[in-house]
Amino acid sequence: MKKILCAVIFVLCISNVQAIVTIKGSGNISCGTYLKEKEIKPTEHYVTRSWIMGFLSGTAAANSIDILKNIDVNAVEGAVTKYCQENPLQDVYDATVDVYFQLKKRMK
């Protein structure tokens, strides 16, 4: 079931179609909230960081692409933070999808 869900999310992402699924958990908070949370709510920030890594791991597993090989959580967090600083009105889901494609591109 997880693989099917991740595959559906991945297909929606690569087709540049607005997601027609509801994102639950930390993925639906704004980038602005993510950046503020990082500063003043470290416990909540770690929950969001876990959501990001779970999304990336699940999407990679569903697509049999080892995008996280030799990539640590701090590198991913840095990329999400950069995206969020540049796009504060977007959400963590958008940032995570952007990082997914950056990591996928590095594999070529």
PDB file of N, CA and C in Angstrom:
ATOM      1  N   MET A   1       0.822  -1.193   0.000  1.00  0.00           N
ATOM      2  CA  MET A   1       0.000   0.000   0.000  1.00  0.00           C
ATOM      3  C   MET A   1       0.866   1.256   0.000  1.00  0.00           C
ATOM      4  N   LYS A   2       1.946   1.238   0.828  1.00  0.00           N
ATOM      5  CA  LYS A   2       2.833   2.407   0.881  1.00  0.00           C
ATOM      6  C   LYS A   2       3.462   2.657  -0.485  1.00  0.00           C
ATOM      7  N   LYS A   3       3.873   1.573  -1.149  1.00  0.00           N
ATOM      8  CA  LYS A   3       4.509   1.720  -2.458  1.00  0.00           C
ATOM      9  C   LYS A   3       3.552   2.330  -3.469  1.00  0.00           C
ATOM     10  N   ILE A   4       2.305   1.916  -3.419  1.00  0.00           N
ATOM     11  CA  ILE A   4       1.321   2.457  -4.346  1.00  0.00           C
ATOM     12  C   ILE A   4       1.110   3.943  -4.084  1.00  0.00           C
ATOM     13  N   LEU A   5       0.968   4.312  -2.812  1.00  0.00           N
ATOM     14  CA  LEU A   5       0.784   5.719  -2.464  1.00  0.00           C
ATOM     15  C   LEU A   5       1.975   6.548  -2.913  1.00  0.00           C
ATOM     16  N   CYS A   6       3.177   6.074  -2.633  1.00  0.00           N
ATOM     17  CA  CYS A   6       4.380   6.807  -3.033  1.00  0.00           C
ATOM     18  C   CYS A   6       4.477   6.910  -4.550  1.00  0.00           C
ATOM     19  N   ALA A   7       4.125   5.833  -5.242  1.00  0.00           N
ATOM     20  CA  ALA A   7       4.173   5.856  -6.704  1.00  0.00           C
ATOM     21  C   ALA A   7       3.191   6.876  -7.259  1.00  0.00           C
ATOM     22  N   VAL A   8       2.000   6.942  -6.684  1.00  0.00           N
ATOM     23  CA  VAL A   8       1.001   7.923  -7.123  1.00  0.00           C
ATOM     24  C   VAL A   8       1.518   9.337  -6.892  1.00  0.00           C
ATOM     25  N   ILE A   9       2.061   9.575  -5.718  1.00  0.00           N
ATOM     26  CA  ILE A   9       2.609  10.908  -5.416  1.00  0.00           C
ATOM     27  C   ILE A   9       3.736  11.244  -6.381  1.00  0.00           C
ATOM     28  N   PHE A  10       4.607  10.283  -6.631  1.00  0.00           N
ATOM     29  CA  PHE A  10       5.729  10.518  -7.540  1.00  0.00           C
ATOM     30  C   PHE A  10       5.234  10.860  -8.939  1.00  0.00           C
ATOM     31  N   VAL A  11       4.271  10.104  -9.457  1.00  0.00           N
ATOM     32  CA  VAL A  11       3.743  10.363 -10.794  1.00  0.00           C
ATOM     33  C   VAL A  11       3.147  11.757 -10.858  1.00  0.00           C
ATOM     34  N   LEU A  12       2.422  12.150  -9.831  1.00  0.00           N
ATOM     35  CA  LEU A  12       1.856  13.493  -9.808  1.00  0.00           C
ATOM     36  C   LEU A  12       2.947  14.550  -9.831  1.00  0.00           C
ATOM     37  N   CYS A  13       4.034  14.276  -9.128  1.00  0.00           N
ATOM     38  CA  CYS A  13       5.135  15.241  -9.065  1.00  0.00           C
ATOM     39  C   CYS A  13       5.830  15.387 -10.415  1.00  0.00           C
ATOM     40  N   ILE A  14       6.119  14.269 -11.069  1.00  0.00           N
ATOM     41  CA  ILE A  14       6.883  14.353 -12.303  1.00  0.00           C
ATOM     42  C   ILE A  14       6.053  14.845 -13.467  1.00  0.00           C
ATOM     43  N   SER A  15       4.751  14.775 -13.357  1.00  0.00           N
ATOM     44  CA  SER A  15       3.918  15.232 -14.453  1.00  0.00           C
ATOM     45  C   SER A  15       3.607  16.720 -14.362  1.00  0.00           C
ATOM     46  N   ASN A  16       4.156  17.390 -13.349  1.00  0.00           N
ATOM     47  CA  ASN A  16       3.933  18.823 -13.145  1.00  0.00           C
ATOM     48  C   ASN A  16       2.452  19.179 -13.043  1.00  0.00           C
ATOM     49  N   VAL A  17       1.676  18.272 -12.515  1.00  0.00           N
ATOM     50  CA  VAL A  17       0.258  18.485 -12.292  1.00  0.00           C
ATOM     51  C   VAL A  17       0.074  18.834 -10.823  1.00  0.00           C
ATOM     52  N   GLN A  18      -0.811  19.749 -10.552  1.00  0.00           N
ATOM     53  CA  GLN A  18      -1.115  20.089  -9.163  1.00  0.00           C
ATOM     54  C   GLN A  18      -1.574  18.835  -8.445  1.00  0.00           C
ATOM     55  N   ALA A  19      -0.992  18.566  -7.297  1.00  0.00           N
ATOM     56  CA  ALA A  19      -1.359  17.371  -6.543  1.00  0.00           C
ATOM     57  C   ALA A  19      -2.850  17.385  -6.230  1.00  0.00           C
ATOM     58  N   ILE A  20      -3.487  16.242  -6.480  1.00  0.00           N
ATOM     59  CA  ILE A  20      -4.915  16.128  -6.198  1.00  0.00           C
ATOM     60  C   ILE A  20      -5.138  15.311  -4.931  1.00  0.00           C
ATOM     61  N   VAL A  21      -4.069  15.109  -4.187  1.00  0.00           N
ATOM     62  CA  VAL A  21      -4.174  14.400  -2.914  1.00  0.00           C
ATOM     63  C   VAL A  21      -3.890  15.394  -1.795  1.00  0.00           C
ATOM     64  N   THR A  22      -4.422  15.097  -0.647  1.00  0.00           N
ATOM     65  CA  THR A  22      -4.174  15.931   0.518  1.00  0.00           C
ATOM     66  C   THR A  22      -2.907  15.442   1.203  1.00  0.00           C
ATOM     67  N   ILE A  23      -1.988  16.342   1.447  1.00  0.00           N
ATOM     68  CA  ILE A  23      -0.747  16.009   2.142  1.00  0.00           C
ATOM     69  C   ILE A  23      -0.994  16.204   3.635  1.00  0.00           C
ATOM     70  N   LYS A  24      -0.733  15.176   4.405  1.00  0.00           N
ATOM     71  CA  LYS A  24      -0.918  15.233   5.850  1.00  0.00           C
ATOM     72  C   LYS A  24       0.434  15.286   6.546  1.00  0.00           C
ATOM     73  N   GLY A  25       0.425  15.665   7.785  1.00  0.00           N
ATOM     74  CA  GLY A  25       1.657  15.721   8.557  1.00  0.00           C
ATOM     75  C   GLY A  25       2.430  16.989   8.271  1.00  0.00           C
ATOM     76  N   SER A  26       3.701  16.938   8.532  1.00  0.00           N
ATOM     77  CA  SER A  26       4.550  18.123   8.428  1.00  0.00           C
ATOM     78  C   SER A  26       4.711  18.640   7.012  1.00  0.00           C
ATOM     79  N   GLY A  27       4.378  17.839   6.027  1.00  0.00           N
ATOM     80  CA  GLY A  27       4.512  18.277   4.643  1.00  0.00           C
ATOM     81  C   GLY A  27       3.601  19.418   4.267  1.00  0.00           C
ATOM     82  N   ASN A  28       2.536  19.625   5.033  1.00  0.00           N
ATOM     83  CA  ASN A  28       1.599  20.683   4.655  1.00  0.00           C
ATOM     84  C   ASN A  28       1.823  22.007   5.387  1.00  0.00           C
ATOM     85  N   ILE A  29       2.908  22.141   6.137  1.00  0.00           N
ATOM     86  CA  ILE A  29       3.190  23.442   6.758  1.00  0.00           C
ATOM     87  C   ILE A  29       3.945  24.321   5.759  1.00  0.00           C
ATOM     88  N   SER A  30       3.787  25.610   5.898  1.00  0.00           N
ATOM     89  CA  SER A  30       4.455  26.526   4.974  1.00  0.00           C
ATOM     90  C   SER A  30       5.960  26.547   5.225  1.00  0.00           C
ATOM     91  N   CYS A  31       6.677  26.948   4.209  1.00  0.00           N
ATOM     92  CA  CYS A  31       8.123  27.094   4.365  1.00  0.00           C
ATOM     93  C   CYS A  31       8.446  28.147   5.422  1.00  0.00           C
ATOM     94  N   GLY A  32       7.637  29.192   5.480  1.00  0.00           N
ATOM     95  CA  GLY A  32       7.852  30.214   6.506  1.00  0.00           C
ATOM     96  C   GLY A  32       7.737  29.635   7.901  1.00  0.00           C
ATOM     97  N   THR A  33       6.740  28.781   8.106  1.00  0.00           N
ATOM     98  CA  THR A  33       6.570  28.120   9.400  1.00  0.00           C
ATOM     99  C   THR A  33       7.733  27.173   9.670  1.00  0.00           C
ATOM    100  N   TYR A  34       8.161  26.448   8.655  1.00  0.00           N
ATOM    101  CA  TYR A  34       9.298  25.537   8.789  1.00  0.00           C
ATOM    102  C   TYR A  34      10.538  26.287   9.283  1.00  0.00           C
ATOM    103  N   LEU A  35      10.816  27.425   8.677  1.00  0.00           N
ATOM    104  CA  LEU A  35      12.004  28.193   9.061  1.00  0.00           C
ATOM    105  C   LEU A  35      11.893  28.719  10.493  1.00  0.00           C
ATOM    106  N   LYS A  36      10.718  29.176  10.889  1.00  0.00           N
ATOM    107  CA  LYS A  36      10.495  29.679  12.249  1.00  0.00           C
ATOM    108  C   LYS A  36      10.572  28.527  13.249  1.00  0.00           C
ATOM    109  N   GLU A  37       9.965  27.409  12.901  1.00  0.00           N
ATOM    110  CA  GLU A  37       9.977  26.214  13.755  1.00  0.00           C
ATOM    111  C   GLU A  37      11.409  25.753  14.018  1.00  0.00           C
ATOM    112  N   LYS A  38      12.223  25.846  13.011  1.00  0.00           N
ATOM    113  CA  LYS A  38      13.627  25.433  13.122  1.00  0.00           C
ATOM    114  C   LYS A  38      14.336  26.248  14.197  1.00  0.00           C
ATOM    115  N   GLU A  39      13.986  27.516  14.305  1.00  0.00           N
ATOM    116  CA  GLU A  39      14.617  28.412  15.271  1.00  0.00           C
ATOM    117  C   GLU A  39      14.094  28.238  16.697  1.00  0.00           C
ATOM    118  N   ILE A  40      12.774  28.102  16.850  1.00  0.00           N
ATOM    119  CA  ILE A  40      12.205  28.190  18.197  1.00  0.00           C
ATOM    120  C   ILE A  40      11.531  26.916  18.718  1.00  0.00           C
ATOM    121  N   LYS A  41      11.342  25.917  17.868  1.00  0.00           N
ATOM    122  CA  LYS A  41      10.673  24.685  18.294  1.00  0.00           C
ATOM    123  C   LYS A  41      11.455  23.466  17.804  1.00  0.00           C
ATOM    124  N   PRO A  42      12.612  23.204  18.409  1.00  0.00           N
ATOM    125  CA  PRO A  42      13.455  22.116  17.900  1.00  0.00           C
ATOM    126  C   PRO A  42      12.784  20.749  17.886  1.00  0.00           C
ATOM    127  N   THR A  43      11.926  20.458  18.839  1.00  0.00           N
ATOM    128  CA  THR A  43      11.261  19.150  18.860  1.00  0.00           C
ATOM    129  C   THR A  43      10.345  18.999  17.653  1.00  0.00           C
ATOM    130  N   GLU A  44       9.546  20.018  17.381  1.00  0.00           N
ATOM    131  CA  GLU A  44       8.668  19.986  16.214  1.00  0.00           C
ATOM    132  C   GLU A  44       9.475  19.957  14.923  1.00  0.00           C
ATOM    133  N   HIS A  45      10.607  20.641  14.933  1.00  0.00           N
ATOM    134  CA  HIS A  45      11.463  20.643  13.745  1.00  0.00           C
ATOM    135  C   HIS A  45      11.967  19.229  13.432  1.00  0.00           C
ATOM    136  N   TYR A  46      12.319  18.478  14.460  1.00  0.00           N
ATOM    137  CA  TYR A  46      12.782  17.108  14.230  1.00  0.00           C
ATOM    138  C   TYR A  46      11.666  16.224  13.682  1.00  0.00           C
ATOM    139  N   VAL A  47      10.439  16.490  14.067  1.00  0.00           N
ATOM    140  CA  VAL A  47       9.311  15.755  13.501  1.00  0.00           C
ATOM    141  C   VAL A  47       9.197  16.064  12.005  1.00  0.00           C
ATOM    142  N   THR A  48       9.317  17.327  11.650  1.00  0.00           N
ATOM    143  CA  THR A  48       9.261  17.729  10.238  1.00  0.00           C
ATOM    144  C   THR A  48      10.418  17.115   9.471  1.00  0.00           C
ATOM    145  N   ARG A  49      11.596  17.136  10.049  1.00  0.00           N
ATOM    146  CA  ARG A  49      12.774  16.547   9.403  1.00  0.00           C
ATOM    147  C   ARG A  49      12.544  15.050   9.154  1.00  0.00           C
ATOM    148  N   SER A  50      11.934  14.379  10.101  1.00  0.00           N
ATOM    149  CA  SER A  50      11.624  12.961   9.927  1.00  0.00           C
ATOM    150  C   SER A  50      10.601  12.755   8.812  1.00  0.00           C
ATOM    151  N   TRP A  51       9.625  13.645   8.718  1.00  0.00           N
ATOM    152  CA  TRP A  51       8.643  13.552   7.641  1.00  0.00           C
ATOM    153  C   TRP A  51       9.345  13.682   6.292  1.00  0.00           C
ATOM    154  N   ILE A  52      10.245  14.658   6.183  1.00  0.00           N
ATOM    155  CA  ILE A  52      10.983  14.879   4.932  1.00  0.00           C
ATOM    156  C   ILE A  52      11.771  13.629   4.544  1.00  0.00           C
ATOM    157  N   MET A  53      12.523  13.085   5.486  1.00  0.00           N
ATOM    158  CA  MET A  53      13.335  11.900   5.195  1.00  0.00           C
ATOM    159  C   MET A  53      12.449  10.695   4.883  1.00  0.00           C
ATOM    160  N   GLY A  54      11.315  10.581   5.562  1.00  0.00           N
ATOM    161  CA  GLY A  54      10.386   9.489   5.273  1.00  0.00           C
ATOM    162  C   GLY A  54       9.791   9.592   3.881  1.00  0.00           C
ATOM    163  N   PHE A  55       9.429  10.811   3.491  1.00  0.00           N
ATOM    164  CA  PHE A  55       8.881  11.028   2.153  1.00  0.00           C
ATOM    165  C   PHE A  55       9.921  10.674   1.095  1.00  0.00           C
ATOM    166  N   LEU A  56      11.145  11.170   1.284  1.00  0.00           N
ATOM    167  CA  LEU A  56      12.200  10.879   0.313  1.00  0.00           C
ATOM    168  C   LEU A  56      12.522   9.389   0.258  1.00  0.00           C
ATOM    169  N   SER A  57      12.608   8.758   1.417  1.00  0.00           N
ATOM    170  CA  SER A  57      12.907   7.325   1.465  1.00  0.00           C
ATOM    171  C   SER A  57      11.787   6.520   0.807  1.00  0.00           C
ATOM    172  N   GLY A  58      10.556   6.858   1.122  1.00  0.00           N
ATOM    173  CA  GLY A  58       9.418   6.139   0.553  1.00  0.00           C
ATOM    174  C   GLY A  58       9.309   6.310  -0.947  1.00  0.00           C
ATOM    175  N   THR A  59       9.499   7.523  -1.420  1.00  0.00           N
ATOM    176  CA  THR A  59       9.433   7.778  -2.855  1.00  0.00           C
ATOM    177  C   THR A  59      10.573   7.073  -3.575  1.00  0.00           C
ATOM    178  N   ALA A  60      11.756   7.101  -2.986  1.00  0.00           N
ATOM    179  CA  ALA A  60      12.908   6.407  -3.577  1.00  0.00           C
ATOM    180  C   ALA A  60      12.660   4.900  -3.630  1.00  0.00           C
ATOM    181  N   ALA A  61      12.139   4.344  -2.548  1.00  0.00           N
ATOM    182  CA  ALA A  61      11.875   2.903  -2.503  1.00  0.00           C
ATOM    183  C   ALA A  61      10.798   2.510  -3.511  1.00  0.00           C
ATOM    184  N   ALA A  62       9.755   3.316  -3.609  1.00  0.00           N
ATOM    185  CA  ALA A  62       8.666   3.013  -4.537  1.00  0.00           C
ATOM    186  C   ALA A  62       9.135   3.041  -5.988  1.00  0.00           C
ATOM    187  N   ASN A  63      10.182   3.795  -6.250  1.00  0.00           N
ATOM    188  CA  ASN A  63      10.686   3.934  -7.614  1.00  0.00           C
ATOM    189  C   ASN A  63      12.019   3.228  -7.828  1.00  0.00           C
ATOM    190  N   SER A  64      12.470   2.493  -6.818  1.00  0.00           N
ATOM    191  CA  SER A  64      13.738   1.753  -6.890  1.00  0.00           C
ATOM    192  C   SER A  64      14.897   2.639  -7.327  1.00  0.00           C
ATOM    193  N   ILE A  65      14.964   3.834  -6.736  1.00  0.00           N
ATOM    194  CA  ILE A  65      16.039   4.778  -7.031  1.00  0.00           C
ATOM    195  C   ILE A  65      16.716   5.131  -5.710  1.00  0.00           C
ATOM    196  N   ASP A  66      17.983   4.813  -5.597  1.00  0.00           N
ATOM    197  CA  ASP A  66      18.706   5.014  -4.336  1.00  0.00           C
ATOM    198  C   ASP A  66      19.245   6.442  -4.243  1.00  0.00           C
ATOM    199  N   ILE A  67      18.334   7.407  -4.205  1.00  0.00           N
ATOM    200  CA  ILE A  67      18.742   8.814  -4.213  1.00  0.00           C
ATOM    201  C   ILE A  67      19.425   9.259  -2.931  1.00  0.00           C
ATOM    202  N   LEU A  68      19.230   8.511  -1.846  1.00  0.00           N
ATOM    203  CA  LEU A  68      19.790   8.928  -0.559  1.00  0.00           C
ATOM    204  C   LEU A  68      21.144   8.276  -0.255  1.00  0.00           C
ATOM    205  N   LYS A  69      21.661   7.489  -1.179  1.00  0.00           N
ATOM    206  CA  LYS A  69      22.968   6.873  -0.969  1.00  0.00           C
ATOM    207  C   LYS A  69      24.028   7.964  -0.840  1.00  0.00           C
ATOM    208  N   ASN A  70      24.797   7.883   0.216  1.00  0.00           N
ATOM    209  CA  ASN A  70      25.875   8.848   0.507  1.00  0.00           C
ATOM    210  C   ASN A  70      25.367  10.270   0.756  1.00  0.00           C
ATOM    211  N   ILE A  71      24.097  10.416   1.115  1.00  0.00           N
ATOM    212  CA  ILE A  71      23.520  11.724   1.437  1.00  0.00           C
ATOM    213  C   ILE A  71      23.068  11.670   2.891  1.00  0.00           C
ATOM    214  N   ASP A  72      23.512  12.611   3.693  1.00  0.00           N
ATOM    215  CA  ASP A  72      23.077  12.591   5.092  1.00  0.00           C
ATOM    216  C   ASP A  72      21.923  13.566   5.318  1.00  0.00           C
ATOM    217  N   VAL A  73      21.293  13.403   6.452  1.00  0.00           N
ATOM    218  CA  VAL A  73      20.101  14.189   6.763  1.00  0.00           C
ATOM    219  C   VAL A  73      20.409  15.692   6.803  1.00  0.00           C
ATOM    220  N   ASN A  74      21.613  16.065   7.202  1.00  0.00           N
ATOM    221  CA  ASN A  74      21.962  17.491   7.253  1.00  0.00           C
ATOM    222  C   ASN A  74      22.042  18.105   5.860  1.00  0.00           C
ATOM    223  N   ALA A  75      22.490  17.333   4.877  1.00  0.00           N
ATOM    224  CA  ALA A  75      22.530  17.830   3.500  1.00  0.00           C
ATOM    225  C   ALA A  75      21.118  18.054   2.977  1.00  0.00           C
ATOM    226  N   VAL A  76      20.230  17.099   3.254  1.00  0.00           N
ATOM    227  CA  VAL A  76      18.835  17.234   2.841  1.00  0.00           C
ATOM    228  C   VAL A  76      18.206  18.434   3.532  1.00  0.00           C
ATOM    229  N   GLU A  77      18.442  18.548   4.829  1.00  0.00           N
ATOM    230  CA  GLU A  77      17.882  19.672   5.575  1.00  0.00           C
ATOM    231  C   GLU A  77      18.380  21.007   5.020  1.00  0.00           C
ATOM    232  N   GLY A  78      19.639  21.076   4.655  1.00  0.00           N
ATOM    233  CA  GLY A  78      20.185  22.298   4.069  1.00  0.00           C
ATOM    234  C   GLY A  78      19.504  22.659   2.759  1.00  0.00           C
ATOM    235  N   ALA A  79      19.240  21.650   1.936  1.00  0.00           N
ATOM    236  CA  ALA A  79      18.572  21.896   0.655  1.00  0.00           C
ATOM    237  C   ALA A  79      17.121  22.349   0.869  1.00  0.00           C
ATOM    238  N   VAL A  80      16.421  21.733   1.823  1.00  0.00           N
ATOM    239  CA  VAL A  80      15.047  22.140   2.128  1.00  0.00           C
ATOM    240  C   VAL A  80      15.041  23.568   2.681  1.00  0.00           C
ATOM    241  N   THR A  81      15.973  23.864   3.566  1.00  0.00           N
ATOM    242  CA  THR A  81      16.062  25.211   4.143  1.00  0.00           C
ATOM    243  C   THR A  81      16.315  26.249   3.058  1.00  0.00           C
ATOM    244  N   LYS A  82      17.224  25.956   2.140  1.00  0.00           N
ATOM    245  CA  LYS A  82      17.514  26.888   1.031  1.00  0.00           C
ATOM    246  C   LYS A  82      16.258  27.134   0.201  1.00  0.00           C
ATOM    247  N   TYR A  83      15.565  26.061  -0.149  1.00  0.00           N
ATOM    248  CA  TYR A  83      14.323  26.194  -0.918  1.00  0.00           C
ATOM    249  C   TYR A  83      13.324  27.059  -0.162  1.00  0.00           C
ATOM    250  N   CYS A  84      13.171  26.773   1.123  1.00  0.00           N
ATOM    251  CA  CYS A  84      12.189  27.514   1.922  1.00  0.00           C
ATOM    252  C   CYS A  84      12.561  28.984   2.080  1.00  0.00           C
ATOM    253  N   GLN A  85      13.840  29.286   2.200  1.00  0.00           N
ATOM    254  CA  GLN A  85      14.265  30.687   2.289  1.00  0.00           C
ATOM    255  C   GLN A  85      13.936  31.429   1.000  1.00  0.00           C
ATOM    256  N   GLU A  86      14.045  30.737  -0.121  1.00  0.00           N
ATOM    257  CA  GLU A  86      13.771  31.357  -1.418  1.00  0.00           C
ATOM    258  C   GLU A  86      12.285  31.353  -1.770  1.00  0.00           C
ATOM    259  N   ASN A  87      11.508  30.481  -1.106  1.00  0.00           N
ATOM    260  CA  ASN A  87      10.078  30.316  -1.418  1.00  0.00           C
ATOM    261  C   ASN A  87       9.251  30.188  -0.140  1.00  0.00           C
ATOM    262  N   PRO A  88       9.224  31.206   0.701  1.00  0.00           N
ATOM    263  CA  PRO A  88       8.558  31.078   2.002  1.00  0.00           C
ATOM    264  C   PRO A  88       7.057  30.824   1.937  1.00  0.00           C
ATOM    265  N   LEU A  89       6.418  31.123   0.820  1.00  0.00           N
ATOM    266  CA  LEU A  89       4.984  30.897   0.714  1.00  0.00           C
ATOM    267  C   LEU A  89       4.629  29.485   0.241  1.00  0.00           C
ATOM    268  N   GLN A  90       5.617  28.746  -0.201  1.00  0.00           N
ATOM    269  CA  GLN A  90       5.405  27.347  -0.587  1.00  0.00           C
ATOM    270  C   GLN A  90       5.360  26.502   0.681  1.00  0.00           C
ATOM    271  N   ASP A  91       5.139  25.206   0.532  1.00  0.00           N
ATOM    272  CA  ASP A  91       5.105  24.363   1.721  1.00  0.00           C
ATOM    273  C   ASP A  91       6.240  23.339   1.717  1.00  0.00           C
ATOM    274  N   VAL A  92       6.366  22.643   2.821  1.00  0.00           N
ATOM    275  CA  VAL A  92       7.459  21.675   2.996  1.00  0.00           C
ATOM    276  C   VAL A  92       7.357  20.554   1.961  1.00  0.00           C
ATOM    277  N   TYR A  93       6.158  20.180   1.593  1.00  0.00           N
ATOM    278  CA  TYR A  93       5.972  19.183   0.534  1.00  0.00           C
ATOM    279  C   TYR A  93       6.658  19.642  -0.750  1.00  0.00           C
ATOM    280  N   ASP A  94       6.400  20.889  -1.155  1.00  0.00           N
ATOM    281  CA  ASP A  94       7.020  21.419  -2.378  1.00  0.00           C
ATOM    282  C   ASP A  94       8.544  21.409  -2.270  1.00  0.00           C
ATOM    283  N   ALA A  95       9.050  21.805  -1.119  1.00  0.00           N
ATOM    284  CA  ALA A  95      10.495  21.813  -0.895  1.00  0.00           C
ATOM    285  C   ALA A  95      11.061  20.407  -0.996  1.00  0.00           C
ATOM    286  N   THR A  96      10.357  19.442  -0.437  1.00  0.00           N
ATOM    287  CA  THR A  96      10.832  18.065  -0.442  1.00  0.00           C
ATOM    288  C   THR A  96      10.814  17.485  -1.845  1.00  0.00           C
ATOM    289  N   VAL A  97       9.801  17.780  -2.610  1.00  0.00           N
ATOM    290  CA  VAL A  97       9.749  17.327  -4.007  1.00  0.00           C
ATOM    291  C   VAL A  97      10.903  17.951  -4.792  1.00  0.00           C
ATOM    292  N   ASP A  98      11.174  19.227  -4.555  1.00  0.00           N
ATOM    293  CA  ASP A  98      12.301  19.885  -5.221  1.00  0.00           C
ATOM    294  C   ASP A  98      13.613  19.183  -4.877  1.00  0.00           C
ATOM    295  N   VAL A  99      13.810  18.859  -3.627  1.00  0.00           N
ATOM    296  CA  VAL A  99      15.031  18.156  -3.201  1.00  0.00           C
ATOM    297  C   VAL A  99      15.093  16.770  -3.840  1.00  0.00           C
ATOM    298  N   TYR A 100      13.956  16.089  -3.921  1.00  0.00           N
ATOM    299  CA  TYR A 100      13.924  14.774  -4.574  1.00  0.00           C
ATOM    300  C   TYR A 100      14.495  14.882  -5.988  1.00  0.00           C
ATOM    301  N   PHE A 101      14.025  15.863  -6.746  1.00  0.00           N
ATOM    302  CA  PHE A 101      14.499  16.006  -8.126  1.00  0.00           C
ATOM    303  C   PHE A 101      15.967  16.428  -8.193  1.00  0.00           C
ATOM    304  N   GLN A 102      16.426  17.223  -7.234  1.00  0.00           N
ATOM    305  CA  GLN A 102      17.848  17.554  -7.187  1.00  0.00           C
ATOM    306  C   GLN A 102      18.678  16.293  -6.968  1.00  0.00           C
ATOM    307  N   LEU A 103      18.242  15.457  -6.046  1.00  0.00           N
ATOM    308  CA  LEU A 103      18.974  14.225  -5.748  1.00  0.00           C
ATOM    309  C   LEU A 103      18.924  13.261  -6.929  1.00  0.00           C
ATOM    310  N   LYS A 104      17.785  13.171  -7.563  1.00  0.00           N
ATOM    311  CA  LYS A 104      17.640  12.292  -8.728  1.00  0.00           C
ATOM    312  C   LYS A 104      18.567  12.748  -9.862  1.00  0.00           C
ATOM    313  N   LYS A 105      18.635  14.057 -10.055  1.00  0.00           N
ATOM    314  CA  LYS A 105      19.494  14.616 -11.096  1.00  0.00           C
ATOM    315  C   LYS A 105      20.966  14.295 -10.854  1.00  0.00           C
ATOM    316  N   ARG A 106      21.362  14.266  -9.580  1.00  0.00           N
ATOM    317  CA  ARG A 106      22.758  13.961  -9.232  1.00  0.00           C
ATOM    318  C   ARG A 106      23.149  12.541  -9.597  1.00  0.00           C
ATOM    319  N   MET A 107      22.190  11.658  -9.743  1.00  0.00           N
ATOM    320  CA  MET A 107      22.465  10.256 -10.016  1.00  0.00           C
ATOM    321  C   MET A 107      22.856  10.029 -11.466  1.00  0.00           C
ATOM    322  N   LYS A 108      22.610  10.965 -12.334  1.00  0.00           N
ATOM    323  CA  LYS A 108      22.905  10.789 -13.764  1.00  0.00           C
ATOM    324  C   LYS A 108      24.369  10.941 -14.050  1.00  0.00           C
TER     325      LYS A 108
END
